Amino acid sequence: MSSHNDQSSKTYYTSKFGSIKKLSNTNYAIWKGNVTVILQAMGAYTIVNGEEDEPVAGNTAAARTAIADYQKRGA
């Protein structure tokens, strides 16, 4: 692997939802906006910012589906 790719992997976070420059001492405002967009694309923004609580455990199909969806987005 080239040193350019090694350097890129150290400075960028890449997922299927996009690629953003990792947080540094000088890029908080841009990083925050970029992370927000990725979390929204993942469907995890409301989990991360505390607006959505974990579903109550239950033994119904709906409860199991809600818990599985929450865990998938929060992982």
N, C-alpha and C. Protein backbone atom coordinates (compact mmCIF):
# COMPACT_ATOMS: atom_id res chain seq x y z
N MET A 1 0.85 -1.19 0.00
CA MET A 1 0.00 0.00 0.00
C MET A 1 0.89 1.23 0.00
N SER A 2 0.53 2.24 -0.73
CA SER A 2 1.35 3.44 -0.82
C SER A 2 1.23 4.29 0.44
N SER A 3 2.22 5.14 0.65
CA SER A 3 2.19 6.00 1.83
C SER A 3 1.04 7.00 1.77
N HIS A 4 0.63 7.38 0.53
CA HIS A 4 -0.52 8.28 0.40
C HIS A 4 -1.78 7.62 0.96
N ASN A 5 -2.00 6.35 0.65
CA ASN A 5 -3.18 5.65 1.17
C ASN A 5 -3.08 5.47 2.67
N ASP A 6 -1.86 5.20 3.18
CA ASP A 6 -1.68 5.07 4.62
C ASP A 6 -2.03 6.38 5.32
N GLN A 7 -1.55 7.49 4.76
CA GLN A 7 -1.83 8.79 5.34
C GLN A 7 -3.32 9.10 5.28
N SER A 8 -3.96 8.79 4.17
CA SER A 8 -5.38 9.05 4.00
C SER A 8 -6.20 8.29 5.03
N SER A 9 -5.86 7.04 5.27
CA SER A 9 -6.62 6.24 6.23
C SER A 9 -6.45 6.75 7.65
N LYS A 10 -5.38 7.48 7.91
CA LYS A 10 -5.16 8.05 9.24
C LYS A 10 -5.89 9.37 9.43
N THR A 11 -6.21 10.06 8.35
CA THR A 11 -6.83 11.38 8.47
C THR A 11 -8.30 11.40 8.09
N TYR A 12 -8.81 10.33 7.50
CA TYR A 12 -10.21 10.29 7.07
C TYR A 12 -10.92 9.07 7.63
N TYR A 13 -12.18 9.27 7.97
CA TYR A 13 -13.06 8.16 8.33
C TYR A 13 -13.94 7.90 7.12
N THR A 14 -13.98 6.64 6.68
CA THR A 14 -14.77 6.29 5.51
C THR A 14 -15.75 5.18 5.86
N SER A 15 -16.99 5.36 5.43
CA SER A 15 -18.02 4.34 5.60
C SER A 15 -18.85 4.30 4.34
N LYS A 16 -19.83 3.42 4.30
CA LYS A 16 -20.70 3.37 3.12
C LYS A 16 -21.56 4.63 3.01
N PHE A 17 -21.57 5.45 4.05
CA PHE A 17 -22.37 6.68 4.05
C PHE A 17 -21.57 7.91 3.66
N GLY A 18 -20.26 7.76 3.53
CA GLY A 18 -19.43 8.89 3.13
C GLY A 18 -18.06 8.85 3.76
N SER A 19 -17.28 9.86 3.47
CA SER A 19 -15.92 9.97 3.98
C SER A 19 -15.75 11.37 4.55
N ILE A 20 -15.22 11.45 5.76
CA ILE A 20 -15.01 12.74 6.39
C ILE A 20 -13.62 12.79 7.00
N LYS A 21 -13.10 13.99 7.09
CA LYS A 21 -11.81 14.18 7.75
C LYS A 21 -12.01 13.98 9.25
N LYS A 22 -11.10 13.26 9.86
CA LYS A 22 -11.20 13.00 11.29
C LYS A 22 -11.04 14.30 12.08
N LEU A 23 -11.58 14.30 13.29
CA LEU A 23 -11.52 15.45 14.17
C LEU A 23 -10.08 15.80 14.49
N SER A 24 -9.78 17.10 14.43
CA SER A 24 -8.45 17.59 14.79
C SER A 24 -8.62 18.81 15.69
N ASN A 25 -7.51 19.44 16.01
CA ASN A 25 -7.56 20.63 16.87
C ASN A 25 -8.17 21.84 16.18
N THR A 26 -8.32 21.77 14.85
CA THR A 26 -8.74 22.97 14.11
C THR A 26 -10.01 22.81 13.28
N ASN A 27 -10.64 21.64 13.27
CA ASN A 27 -11.75 21.44 12.33
C ASN A 27 -13.08 21.05 12.98
N TYR A 28 -13.30 21.41 14.24
CA TYR A 28 -14.49 20.94 14.94
C TYR A 28 -15.79 21.32 14.23
N ALA A 29 -15.95 22.56 13.82
CA ALA A 29 -17.22 22.99 13.23
C ALA A 29 -17.54 22.20 11.95
N ILE A 30 -16.56 22.04 11.09
CA ILE A 30 -16.77 21.28 9.85
C ILE A 30 -17.00 19.80 10.18
N TRP A 31 -16.20 19.26 11.09
CA TRP A 31 -16.31 17.84 11.48
C TRP A 31 -17.71 17.57 12.05
N LYS A 32 -18.19 18.45 12.93
CA LYS A 32 -19.51 18.25 13.54
C LYS A 32 -20.60 18.19 12.47
N GLY A 33 -20.56 19.10 11.52
CA GLY A 33 -21.54 19.09 10.44
C GLY A 33 -21.47 17.81 9.62
N ASN A 34 -20.26 17.38 9.31
CA ASN A 34 -20.08 16.16 8.52
C ASN A 34 -20.54 14.93 9.28
N VAL A 35 -20.22 14.84 10.55
CA VAL A 35 -20.64 13.70 11.37
C VAL A 35 -22.17 13.68 11.49
N THR A 36 -22.78 14.84 11.63
CA THR A 36 -24.24 14.91 11.71
C THR A 36 -24.88 14.35 10.46
N VAL A 37 -24.35 14.72 9.30
CA VAL A 37 -24.90 14.22 8.03
C VAL A 37 -24.77 12.70 7.95
N ILE A 38 -23.62 12.16 8.34
CA ILE A 38 -23.42 10.70 8.28
C ILE A 38 -24.34 10.00 9.27
N LEU A 39 -24.47 10.53 10.48
CA LEU A 39 -25.36 9.91 11.46
C LEU A 39 -26.81 9.94 10.99
N GLN A 40 -27.21 11.02 10.34
CA GLN A 40 -28.57 11.09 9.80
C GLN A 40 -28.75 10.06 8.69
N ALA A 41 -27.76 9.89 7.83
CA ALA A 41 -27.84 8.90 6.76
C ALA A 41 -27.93 7.49 7.33
N MET A 42 -27.27 7.26 8.46
CA MET A 42 -27.30 5.95 9.12
C MET A 42 -28.62 5.71 9.85
N GLY A 43 -29.37 6.78 10.09
CA GLY A 43 -30.58 6.68 10.89
C GLY A 43 -30.27 6.63 12.38
N ALA A 44 -29.06 7.08 12.75
CA ALA A 44 -28.62 6.98 14.14
C ALA A 44 -28.53 8.32 14.85
N TYR A 45 -28.82 9.41 14.17
CA TYR A 45 -28.64 10.73 14.77
C TYR A 45 -29.47 10.90 16.04
N THR A 46 -30.72 10.49 16.02
CA THR A 46 -31.57 10.68 17.20
C THR A 46 -31.13 9.80 18.37
N ILE A 47 -30.48 8.69 18.08
CA ILE A 47 -29.94 7.84 19.14
C ILE A 47 -28.74 8.52 19.78
N VAL A 48 -27.83 8.99 18.95
CA VAL A 48 -26.58 9.59 19.44
C VAL A 48 -26.82 10.86 20.22
N ASN A 49 -27.75 11.70 19.77
CA ASN A 49 -27.97 12.96 20.49
C ASN A 49 -28.97 12.84 21.64
N GLY A 50 -29.46 11.64 21.90
CA GLY A 50 -30.32 11.40 23.06
C GLY A 50 -31.79 11.67 22.86
N GLU A 51 -32.22 11.97 21.63
CA GLU A 51 -33.64 12.22 21.38
C GLU A 51 -34.46 10.94 21.34
N GLU A 52 -33.81 9.82 21.10
CA GLU A 52 -34.53 8.54 20.98
C GLU A 52 -34.03 7.59 22.06
N ASP A 53 -34.95 7.06 22.83
CA ASP A 53 -34.60 6.10 23.87
C ASP A 53 -34.64 4.68 23.31
N GLU A 54 -33.90 3.81 23.95
CA GLU A 54 -33.93 2.41 23.55
C GLU A 54 -35.33 1.86 23.78
N PRO A 55 -35.85 1.08 22.83
CA PRO A 55 -37.19 0.51 23.00
C PRO A 55 -37.25 -0.40 24.23
N VAL A 56 -38.44 -0.47 24.79
CA VAL A 56 -38.67 -1.33 25.95
C VAL A 56 -38.65 -2.78 25.48
N ALA A 57 -37.96 -3.61 26.24
CA ALA A 57 -37.90 -5.03 25.90
C ALA A 57 -39.28 -5.65 26.00
N GLY A 58 -39.55 -6.55 25.11
CA GLY A 58 -40.84 -7.25 25.12
C GLY A 58 -40.74 -8.54 24.34
N ASN A 59 -41.73 -9.36 24.48
CA ASN A 59 -41.70 -10.67 23.84
C ASN A 59 -42.65 -10.73 22.65
N THR A 60 -42.97 -9.58 22.09
CA THR A 60 -43.82 -9.57 20.90
C THR A 60 -42.95 -9.37 19.66
N ALA A 61 -43.48 -9.70 18.53
CA ALA A 61 -42.73 -9.51 17.29
C ALA A 61 -42.40 -8.03 17.08
N ALA A 62 -43.34 -7.15 17.39
CA ALA A 62 -43.11 -5.72 17.23
C ALA A 62 -41.99 -5.23 18.14
N ALA A 63 -41.97 -5.70 19.38
CA ALA A 63 -40.92 -5.30 20.33
C ALA A 63 -39.57 -5.80 19.87
N ARG A 64 -39.50 -7.04 19.43
CA ARG A 64 -38.23 -7.60 18.95
C ARG A 64 -37.74 -6.86 17.71
N THR A 65 -38.65 -6.50 16.83
CA THR A 65 -38.28 -5.76 15.62
C THR A 65 -37.77 -4.37 15.99
N ALA A 66 -38.44 -3.70 16.91
CA ALA A 66 -38.02 -2.36 17.33
C ALA A 66 -36.64 -2.39 17.98
N ILE A 67 -36.39 -3.39 18.81
CA ILE A 67 -35.09 -3.52 19.47
C ILE A 67 -34.00 -3.83 18.45
N ALA A 68 -34.26 -4.73 17.53
CA ALA A 68 -33.28 -5.07 16.50
C ALA A 68 -32.95 -3.86 15.63
N ASP A 69 -33.96 -3.07 15.26
CA ASP A 69 -33.74 -1.87 14.46
C ASP A 69 -32.89 -0.87 15.23
N TYR A 70 -33.21 -0.65 16.49
CA TYR A 70 -32.46 0.28 17.32
C TYR A 70 -31.00 -0.14 17.45
N GLN A 71 -30.79 -1.43 17.72
CA GLN A 71 -29.42 -1.93 17.87
C GLN A 71 -28.64 -1.81 16.57
N LYS A 72 -29.28 -2.07 15.46
CA LYS A 72 -28.62 -1.96 14.16
C LYS A 72 -28.16 -0.52 13.91
N ARG A 73 -29.01 0.44 14.22
CA ARG A 73 -28.66 1.84 13.99
C ARG A 73 -27.68 2.39 15.02
N GLY A 74 -27.67 1.81 16.20
CA GLY A 74 -26.79 2.30 17.26
C GLY A 74 -25.43 1.64 17.30
N ALA A 75 -25.26 0.64 16.47
CA ALA A 75 -24.00 -0.12 16.50
C ALA A 75 -22.86 0.65 15.89
